[in-house]
PDB file of N, CA and C in Angstrom:
ATOM      1  N   MET A   1     -16.564   1.702   4.277  1.00  0.00           N
ATOM      2  CA  MET A   1     -15.171   1.433   3.940  1.00  0.00           C
ATOM      3  C   MET A   1     -14.282   2.129   4.976  1.00  0.00           C
ATOM      4  N   PRO A   2     -13.303   1.422   5.512  1.00  0.00           N
ATOM      5  CA  PRO A   2     -12.403   2.047   6.480  1.00  0.00           C
ATOM      6  C   PRO A   2     -11.539   3.102   5.816  1.00  0.00           C
ATOM      7  N   THR A   3     -11.103   4.054   6.601  1.00  0.00           N
ATOM      8  CA  THR A   3     -10.271   5.124   6.067  1.00  0.00           C
ATOM      9  C   THR A   3      -8.822   4.951   6.497  1.00  0.00           C
ATOM     10  N   THR A   4      -7.925   5.460   5.708  1.00  0.00           N
ATOM     11  CA  THR A   4      -6.508   5.406   6.065  1.00  0.00           C
ATOM     12  C   THR A   4      -5.951   6.799   6.306  1.00  0.00           C
ATOM     13  N   ILE A   5      -6.829   7.778   6.484  1.00  0.00           N
ATOM     14  CA  ILE A   5      -6.380   9.144   6.732  1.00  0.00           C
ATOM     15  C   ILE A   5      -5.564   9.205   8.015  1.00  0.00           C
ATOM     16  N   GLY A   6      -6.008   8.513   9.051  1.00  0.00           N
ATOM     17  CA  GLY A   6      -5.267   8.483  10.307  1.00  0.00           C
ATOM     18  C   GLY A   6      -3.884   7.874  10.130  1.00  0.00           C
ATOM     19  N   ALA A   7      -3.796   6.855   9.312  1.00  0.00           N
ATOM     20  CA  ALA A   7      -2.504   6.213   9.060  1.00  0.00           C
ATOM     21  C   ALA A   7      -1.567   7.184   8.360  1.00  0.00           C
ATOM     22  N   TYR A   8      -2.092   7.934   7.415  1.00  0.00           N
ATOM     23  CA  TYR A   8      -1.260   8.899   6.699  1.00  0.00           C
ATOM     24  C   TYR A   8      -0.763   9.982   7.654  1.00  0.00           C
ATOM     25  N   ALA A   9      -1.639  10.446   8.542  1.00  0.00           N
ATOM     26  CA  ALA A   9      -1.243  11.466   9.520  1.00  0.00           C
ATOM     27  C   ALA A   9      -0.149  10.927  10.447  1.00  0.00           C
ATOM     28  N   LYS A  10      -0.285   9.694  10.871  1.00  0.00           N
ATOM     29  CA  LYS A  10       0.730   9.095  11.741  1.00  0.00           C
ATOM     30  C   LYS A  10       2.062   8.983  11.009  1.00  0.00           C
ATOM     31  N   TYR A  11       2.018   8.616   9.739  1.00  0.00           N
ATOM     32  CA  TYR A  11       3.239   8.548   8.942  1.00  0.00           C
ATOM     33  C   TYR A  11       3.886   9.931   8.869  1.00  0.00           C
ATOM     34  N   ALA A  12       3.078  10.947   8.625  1.00  0.00           N
ATOM     35  CA  ALA A  12       3.594  12.315   8.514  1.00  0.00           C
ATOM     36  C   ALA A  12       4.259  12.762   9.817  1.00  0.00           C
ATOM     37  N   LEU A  13       3.796  12.216  10.932  1.00  0.00           N
ATOM     38  CA  LEU A  13       4.358  12.556  12.239  1.00  0.00           C
ATOM     39  C   LEU A  13       5.519  11.641  12.630  1.00  0.00           C
ATOM     40  N   GLY A  14       5.883  10.728  11.740  1.00  0.00           N
ATOM     41  CA  GLY A  14       6.994   9.823  12.016  1.00  0.00           C
ATOM     42  C   GLY A  14       6.612   8.609  12.841  1.00  0.00           C
ATOM     43  N   LYS A  15       5.338   8.370  12.993  1.00  0.00           N
ATOM     44  CA  LYS A  15       4.856   7.207  13.759  1.00  0.00           C
ATOM     45  C   LYS A  15       4.594   6.057  12.787  1.00  0.00           C
ATOM     46  N   ASN A  16       5.672   5.563  12.211  1.00  0.00           N
ATOM     47  CA  ASN A  16       5.572   4.603  11.118  1.00  0.00           C
ATOM     48  C   ASN A  16       4.916   3.290  11.509  1.00  0.00           C
ATOM     49  N   GLN A  17       5.287   2.724  12.631  1.00  0.00           N
ATOM     50  CA  GLN A  17       4.707   1.436  13.020  1.00  0.00           C
ATOM     51  C   GLN A  17       3.215   1.573  13.329  1.00  0.00           C
ATOM     52  N   GLU A  18       2.819   2.702  13.896  1.00  0.00           N
ATOM     53  CA  GLU A  18       1.393   2.938  14.135  1.00  0.00           C
ATOM     54  C   GLU A  18       0.652   3.083  12.810  1.00  0.00           C
ATOM     55  N   ALA A  19       1.279   3.746  11.851  1.00  0.00           N
ATOM     56  CA  ALA A  19       0.661   3.901  10.531  1.00  0.00           C
ATOM     57  C   ALA A  19       0.482   2.541   9.863  1.00  0.00           C
ATOM     58  N   ILE A  20       1.514   1.700   9.939  1.00  0.00           N
ATOM     59  CA  ILE A  20       1.406   0.357   9.356  1.00  0.00           C
ATOM     60  C   ILE A  20       0.293  -0.425  10.039  1.00  0.00           C
ATOM     61  N   ALA A  21       0.186  -0.307  11.352  1.00  0.00           N
ATOM     62  CA  ALA A  21      -0.882  -1.002  12.085  1.00  0.00           C
ATOM     63  C   ALA A  21      -2.254  -0.520  11.626  1.00  0.00           C
ATOM     64  N   ASP A  22      -2.385   0.771  11.346  1.00  0.00           N
ATOM     65  CA  ASP A  22      -3.664   1.290  10.841  1.00  0.00           C
ATOM     66  C   ASP A  22      -3.984   0.720   9.462  1.00  0.00           C
ATOM     67  N   TYR A  23      -2.980   0.652   8.588  1.00  0.00           N
ATOM     68  CA  TYR A  23      -3.209   0.040   7.272  1.00  0.00           C
ATOM     69  C   TYR A  23      -3.555  -1.440   7.416  1.00  0.00           C
ATOM     70  N   ASP A  24      -2.875  -2.130   8.331  1.00  0.00           N
ATOM     71  CA  ASP A  24      -3.192  -3.542   8.587  1.00  0.00           C
ATOM     72  C   ASP A  24      -4.652  -3.699   8.983  1.00  0.00           C
ATOM     73  N   ARG A  25      -5.110  -2.811   9.864  1.00  0.00           N
ATOM     74  CA  ARG A  25      -6.489  -2.872  10.346  1.00  0.00           C
ATOM     75  C   ARG A  25      -7.474  -2.571   9.211  1.00  0.00           C
ATOM     76  N   ALA A  26      -7.160  -1.573   8.405  1.00  0.00           N
ATOM     77  CA  ALA A  26      -8.036  -1.232   7.272  1.00  0.00           C
ATOM     78  C   ALA A  26      -8.163  -2.422   6.326  1.00  0.00           C
ATOM     79  N   ILE A  27      -7.051  -3.101   6.087  1.00  0.00           N
ATOM     80  CA  ILE A  27      -7.067  -4.272   5.200  1.00  0.00           C
ATOM     81  C   ILE A  27      -7.827  -5.425   5.846  1.00  0.00           C
ATOM     82  N   GLN A  28      -7.673  -5.565   7.153  1.00  0.00           N
ATOM     83  CA  GLN A  28      -8.414  -6.611   7.856  1.00  0.00           C
ATOM     84  C   GLN A  28      -9.921  -6.366   7.742  1.00  0.00           C
ATOM     85  N   LEU A  29     -10.328  -5.115   7.853  1.00  0.00           N
ATOM     86  CA  LEU A  29     -11.745  -4.778   7.754  1.00  0.00           C
ATOM     87  C   LEU A  29     -12.278  -4.904   6.330  1.00  0.00           C
ATOM     88  N   ASN A  30     -11.418  -4.610   5.347  1.00  0.00           N
ATOM     89  CA  ASN A  30     -11.830  -4.692   3.948  1.00  0.00           C
ATOM     90  C   ASN A  30     -10.652  -5.195   3.110  1.00  0.00           C
ATOM     91  N   PRO A  31     -10.543  -6.506   2.936  1.00  0.00           N
ATOM     92  CA  PRO A  31      -9.422  -7.083   2.184  1.00  0.00           C
ATOM     93  C   PRO A  31      -9.331  -6.642   0.724  1.00  0.00           C
ATOM     94  N   ASN A  32     -10.349  -5.975   0.206  1.00  0.00           N
ATOM     95  CA  ASN A  32     -10.340  -5.493  -1.184  1.00  0.00           C
ATOM     96  C   ASN A  32     -10.008  -4.007  -1.282  1.00  0.00           C
ATOM     97  N   TYR A  33      -9.499  -3.428  -0.212  1.00  0.00           N
ATOM     98  CA  TYR A  33      -9.186  -1.999  -0.146  1.00  0.00           C
ATOM     99  C   TYR A  33      -7.810  -1.765  -0.755  1.00  0.00           C
ATOM    100  N   ALA A  34      -7.792  -1.629  -2.070  1.00  0.00           N
ATOM    101  CA  ALA A  34      -6.540  -1.527  -2.825  1.00  0.00           C
ATOM    102  C   ALA A  34      -5.682  -0.347  -2.383  1.00  0.00           C
ATOM    103  N   ASP A  35      -6.312   0.784  -2.087  1.00  0.00           N
ATOM    104  CA  ASP A  35      -5.543   1.956  -1.670  1.00  0.00           C
ATOM    105  C   ASP A  35      -4.753   1.699  -0.387  1.00  0.00           C
ATOM    106  N   ALA A  36      -5.314   0.910   0.514  1.00  0.00           N
ATOM    107  CA  ALA A  36      -4.603   0.604   1.755  1.00  0.00           C
ATOM    108  C   ALA A  36      -3.349  -0.222   1.463  1.00  0.00           C
ATOM    109  N   TYR A  37      -3.448  -1.170   0.553  1.00  0.00           N
ATOM    110  CA  TYR A  37      -2.265  -1.949   0.149  1.00  0.00           C
ATOM    111  C   TYR A  37      -1.222  -1.033  -0.499  1.00  0.00           C
ATOM    112  N   LYS A  38      -1.689  -0.167  -1.404  1.00  0.00           N
ATOM    113  CA  LYS A  38      -0.767   0.741  -2.091  1.00  0.00           C
ATOM    114  C   LYS A  38      -0.086   1.668  -1.091  1.00  0.00           C
ATOM    115  N   ASN A  39      -0.864   2.258  -0.201  1.00  0.00           N
ATOM    116  CA  ASN A  39      -0.299   3.191   0.764  1.00  0.00           C
ATOM    117  C   ASN A  39       0.641   2.504   1.747  1.00  0.00           C
ATOM    118  N   ARG A  40       0.291   1.292   2.152  1.00  0.00           N
ATOM    119  CA  ARG A  40       1.191   0.537   3.034  1.00  0.00           C
ATOM    120  C   ARG A  40       2.471   0.187   2.283  1.00  0.00           C
ATOM    121  N   GLY A  41       2.339  -0.125   1.001  1.00  0.00           N
ATOM    122  CA  GLY A  41       3.517  -0.371   0.173  1.00  0.00           C
ATOM    123  C   GLY A  41       4.396   0.868   0.070  1.00  0.00           C
ATOM    124  N   ASN A  42       3.779   2.030  -0.111  1.00  0.00           N
ATOM    125  CA  ASN A  42       4.544   3.280  -0.149  1.00  0.00           C
ATOM    126  C   ASN A  42       5.329   3.474   1.146  1.00  0.00           C
ATOM    127  N   LEU A  43       4.673   3.250   2.261  1.00  0.00           N
ATOM    128  CA  LEU A  43       5.324   3.416   3.557  1.00  0.00           C
ATOM    129  C   LEU A  43       6.456   2.411   3.739  1.00  0.00           C
ATOM    130  N   LYS A  44       6.188   1.163   3.435  1.00  0.00           N
ATOM    131  CA  LYS A  44       7.223   0.137   3.588  1.00  0.00           C
ATOM    132  C   LYS A  44       8.404   0.398   2.657  1.00  0.00           C
ATOM    133  N   SER A  45       8.119   0.934   1.482  1.00  0.00           N
ATOM    134  CA  SER A  45       9.190   1.260   0.553  1.00  0.00           C
ATOM    135  C   SER A  45      10.101   2.334   1.139  1.00  0.00           C
ATOM    136  N   THR A  46       9.523   3.346   1.753  1.00  0.00           N
ATOM    137  CA  THR A  46      10.335   4.402   2.360  1.00  0.00           C
ATOM    138  C   THR A  46      11.121   3.892   3.560  1.00  0.00           C
ATOM    139  N   LEU A  47      10.647   2.809   4.172  1.00  0.00           N
ATOM    140  CA  LEU A  47      11.329   2.217   5.325  1.00  0.00           C
ATOM    141  C   LEU A  47      12.302   1.114   4.902  1.00  0.00           C
ATOM    142  N   ASP A  48      12.531   0.982   3.592  1.00  0.00           N
ATOM    143  CA  ASP A  48      13.449  -0.012   3.020  1.00  0.00           C
ATOM    144  C   ASP A  48      13.039  -1.453   3.305  1.00  0.00           C
ATOM    145  N   ASP A  49      11.736  -1.688   3.446  1.00  0.00           N
ATOM    146  CA  ASP A  49      11.207  -3.049   3.578  1.00  0.00           C
ATOM    147  C   ASP A  49      10.739  -3.457   2.182  1.00  0.00           C
ATOM    148  N   LYS A  50      11.727  -3.641   1.300  1.00  0.00           N
ATOM    149  CA  LYS A  50      11.478  -3.803  -0.128  1.00  0.00           C
ATOM    150  C   LYS A  50      10.567  -4.987  -0.455  1.00  0.00           C
ATOM    151  N   GLN A  51      10.858  -6.160   0.069  1.00  0.00           N
ATOM    152  CA  GLN A  51      10.074  -7.353  -0.287  1.00  0.00           C
ATOM    153  C   GLN A  51       8.618  -7.217   0.142  1.00  0.00           C
ATOM    154  N   SER A  52       8.410  -6.706   1.331  1.00  0.00           N
ATOM    155  CA  SER A  52       7.048  -6.520   1.813  1.00  0.00           C
ATOM    156  C   SER A  52       6.316  -5.450   0.998  1.00  0.00           C
ATOM    157  N   ALA A  53       7.028  -4.402   0.618  1.00  0.00           N
ATOM    158  CA  ALA A  53       6.437  -3.360  -0.222  1.00  0.00           C
ATOM    159  C   ALA A  53       6.026  -3.929  -1.569  1.00  0.00           C
ATOM    160  N   ILE A  54       6.878  -4.754  -2.155  1.00  0.00           N
ATOM    161  CA  ILE A  54       6.564  -5.393  -3.441  1.00  0.00           C
ATOM    162  C   ILE A  54       5.285  -6.218  -3.320  1.00  0.00           C
ATOM    163  N   GLU A  55       5.163  -6.969  -2.242  1.00  0.00           N
ATOM    164  CA  GLU A  55       3.962  -7.791  -2.031  1.00  0.00           C
ATOM    165  C   GLU A  55       2.711  -6.920  -1.939  1.00  0.00           C
ATOM    166  N   ASP A  56       2.816  -5.798  -1.214  1.00  0.00           N
ATOM    167  CA  ASP A  56       1.667  -4.901  -1.103  1.00  0.00           C
ATOM    168  C   ASP A  56       1.312  -4.277  -2.447  1.00  0.00           C
ATOM    169  N   TYR A  57       2.315  -3.819  -3.188  1.00  0.00           N
ATOM    170  CA  TYR A  57       2.049  -3.234  -4.498  1.00  0.00           C
ATOM    171  C   TYR A  57       1.428  -4.260  -5.442  1.00  0.00           C
ATOM    172  N   GLN A  58       1.903  -5.504  -5.389  1.00  0.00           N
ATOM    173  CA  GLN A  58       1.349  -6.534  -6.267  1.00  0.00           C
ATOM    174  C   GLN A  58      -0.115  -6.804  -5.933  1.00  0.00           C
ATOM    175  N   LYS A  59      -0.419  -6.871  -4.640  1.00  0.00           N
ATOM    176  CA  LYS A  59      -1.812  -7.081  -4.220  1.00  0.00           C
ATOM    177  C   LYS A  59      -2.672  -5.895  -4.662  1.00  0.00           C
ATOM    178  N   ALA A  60      -2.144  -4.685  -4.493  1.00  0.00           N
ATOM    179  CA  ALA A  60      -2.881  -3.496  -4.926  1.00  0.00           C
ATOM    180  C   ALA A  60      -3.134  -3.553  -6.429  1.00  0.00           C
ATOM    181  N   ALA A  61      -2.112  -3.910  -7.197  1.00  0.00           N
ATOM    182  CA  ALA A  61      -2.261  -3.991  -8.655  1.00  0.00           C
ATOM    183  C   ALA A  61      -3.345  -4.996  -9.036  1.00  0.00           C
ATOM    184  N   ASP A  62      -3.342  -6.148  -8.373  1.00  0.00           N
ATOM    185  CA  ASP A  62      -4.359  -7.173  -8.658  1.00  0.00           C
ATOM    186  C   ASP A  62      -5.762  -6.643  -8.360  1.00  0.00           C
ATOM    187  N   LEU A  63      -5.904  -5.978  -7.219  1.00  0.00           N
ATOM    188  CA  LEU A  63      -7.220  -5.444  -6.845  1.00  0.00           C
ATOM    189  C   LEU A  63      -7.647  -4.313  -7.781  1.00  0.00           C
ATOM    190  N   TYR A  64      -6.722  -3.427  -8.110  1.00  0.00           N
ATOM    191  CA  TYR A  64      -7.056  -2.342  -9.045  1.00  0.00           C
ATOM    192  C   TYR A  64      -7.498  -2.919 -10.390  1.00  0.00           C
ATOM    193  N   LYS A  65      -6.830  -3.959 -10.834  1.00  0.00           N
ATOM    194  CA  LYS A  65      -7.208  -4.593 -12.108  1.00  0.00           C
ATOM    195  C   LYS A  65      -8.639  -5.118 -12.030  1.00  0.00           C
ATOM    196  N   GLN A  66      -8.963  -5.807 -10.943  1.00  0.00           N
ATOM    197  CA  GLN A  66     -10.320  -6.334 -10.750  1.00  0.00           C
ATOM    198  C   GLN A  66     -11.353  -5.208 -10.718  1.00  0.00           C
ATOM    199  N   GLN A  67     -10.942  -4.059 -10.197  1.00  0.00           N
ATOM    200  CA  GLN A  67     -11.854  -2.928 -10.037  1.00  0.00           C
ATOM    201  C   GLN A  67     -11.881  -2.020 -11.268  1.00  0.00           C
ATOM    202  N   GLY A  68     -11.074  -2.346 -12.277  1.00  0.00           N
ATOM    203  CA  GLY A  68     -11.052  -1.565 -13.498  1.00  0.00           C
ATOM    204  C   GLY A  68     -10.365  -0.211 -13.368  1.00  0.00           C
ATOM    205  N   LYS A  69      -9.491  -0.078 -12.391  1.00  0.00           N
ATOM    206  CA  LYS A  69      -8.772   1.180 -12.161  1.00  0.00           C
ATOM    207  C   LYS A  69      -7.389   1.087 -12.809  1.00  0.00           C
ATOM    208  N   THR A  70      -7.371   1.305 -14.100  1.00  0.00           N
ATOM    209  CA  THR A  70      -6.185   1.068 -14.912  1.00  0.00           C
ATOM    210  C   THR A  70      -4.990   1.926 -14.511  1.00  0.00           C
ATOM    211  N   SER A  71      -5.192   3.210 -14.284  1.00  0.00           N
ATOM    212  CA  SER A  71      -4.053   4.070 -13.950  1.00  0.00           C
ATOM    213  C   SER A  71      -3.477   3.714 -12.577  1.00  0.00           C
ATOM    214  N   ASP A  72      -4.340   3.384 -11.624  1.00  0.00           N
ATOM    215  CA  ASP A  72      -3.865   2.957 -10.307  1.00  0.00           C
ATOM    216  C   ASP A  72      -3.124   1.623 -10.406  1.00  0.00           C
ATOM    217  N   GLU A  73      -3.657   0.733 -11.229  1.00  0.00           N
ATOM    218  CA  GLU A  73      -2.989  -0.550 -11.448  1.00  0.00           C
ATOM    219  C   GLU A  73      -1.595  -0.325 -12.027  1.00  0.00           C
ATOM    220  N   GLN A  74      -1.490   0.557 -13.004  1.00  0.00           N
ATOM    221  CA  GLN A  74      -0.198   0.826 -13.639  1.00  0.00           C
ATOM    222  C   GLN A  74       0.796   1.404 -12.639  1.00  0.00           C
ATOM    223  N   TYR A  75       0.331   2.291 -11.759  1.00  0.00           N
ATOM    224  CA  TYR A  75       1.209   2.846 -10.725  1.00  0.00           C
ATOM    225  C   TYR A  75       1.799   1.722  -9.876  1.00  0.00           C
ATOM    226  N   ALA A  76       0.945   0.832  -9.409  1.00  0.00           N
ATOM    227  CA  ALA A  76       1.399  -0.264  -8.549  1.00  0.00           C
ATOM    228  C   ALA A  76       2.359  -1.187  -9.296  1.00  0.00           C
ATOM    229  N   VAL A  77       2.051  -1.508 -10.540  1.00  0.00           N
ATOM    230  CA  VAL A  77       2.927  -2.352 -11.355  1.00  0.00           C
ATOM    231  C   VAL A  77       4.292  -1.683 -11.528  1.00  0.00           C
ATOM    232  N   ASN A  78       4.287  -0.387 -11.776  1.00  0.00           N
ATOM    233  CA  ASN A  78       5.541   0.349 -11.929  1.00  0.00           C
ATOM    234  C   ASN A  78       6.371   0.320 -10.648  1.00  0.00           C
ATOM    235  N   GLN A  79       5.705   0.405  -9.501  1.00  0.00           N
ATOM    236  CA  GLN A  79       6.418   0.348  -8.230  1.00  0.00           C
ATOM    237  C   GLN A  79       7.041  -1.035  -8.013  1.00  0.00           C
ATOM    238  N   VAL A  80       6.331  -2.074  -8.371  1.00  0.00           N
ATOM    239  CA  VAL A  80       6.882  -3.433  -8.278  1.00  0.00           C
ATOM    240  C   VAL A  80       8.126  -3.532  -9.144  1.00  0.00           C
ATOM    241  N   LYS A  81       8.020  -3.070 -10.361  1.00  0.00           N
ATOM    242  CA  LYS A  81       9.155  -3.125 -11.288  1.00  0.00           C
ATOM    243  C   LYS A  81      10.345  -2.335 -10.752  1.00  0.00           C
ATOM    244  N   LYS A  82      10.076  -1.131 -10.294  1.00  0.00           N
ATOM    245  CA  LYS A  82      11.138  -0.269  -9.764  1.00  0.00           C
ATOM    246  C   LYS A  82      11.859  -0.923  -8.581  1.00  0.00           C
ATOM    247  N   LEU A  83      11.095  -1.456  -7.632  1.00  0.00           N
ATOM    248  CA  LEU A  83      11.713  -2.090  -6.464  1.00  0.00           C
ATOM    249  C   LEU A  83      12.430  -3.389  -6.830  1.00  0.00           C
ATOM    250  N   SER A  84      11.890  -4.104  -7.785  1.00  0.00           N
ATOM    251  CA  SER A  84      12.504  -5.363  -8.196  1.00  0.00           C
ATOM    252  C   SER A  84      13.847  -5.152  -8.876  1.00  0.00           C
ATOM    253  N   GLU A  85      14.023  -3.994  -9.472  1.00  0.00           N
ATOM    254  CA  GLU A  85      15.267  -3.697 -10.173  1.00  0.00           C
ATOM    255  C   GLU A  85      16.356  -3.130  -9.252  1.00  0.00           C
ATOM    256  N   GLN A  86      16.000  -2.825  -8.035  1.00  0.00           N
ATOM    257  CA  GLN A  86      16.983  -2.246  -7.101  1.00  0.00           C
ATOM    258  C   GLN A  86      17.847  -3.312  -6.481  1.00  0.00           C
TER     259      GLN A  86
END
């Protein structure tokens, strides 16, 4: 499974586009990597890319549901709701 630790480090250093590219690559390598969708959604949300963040959170929620990760699914659903209400 690909890791997104490098993407998180790049985000922490303010290298947002590089971090997004790392999440894109992780998702390309493993389209069922729910955490990568969630983390990319978190990043896009902080960058005010609301619609794209909503799409990532929704995909993460769907994958978490399939994987039986209820609390992670609820987090993603809550983020969709929060962004949709803004």
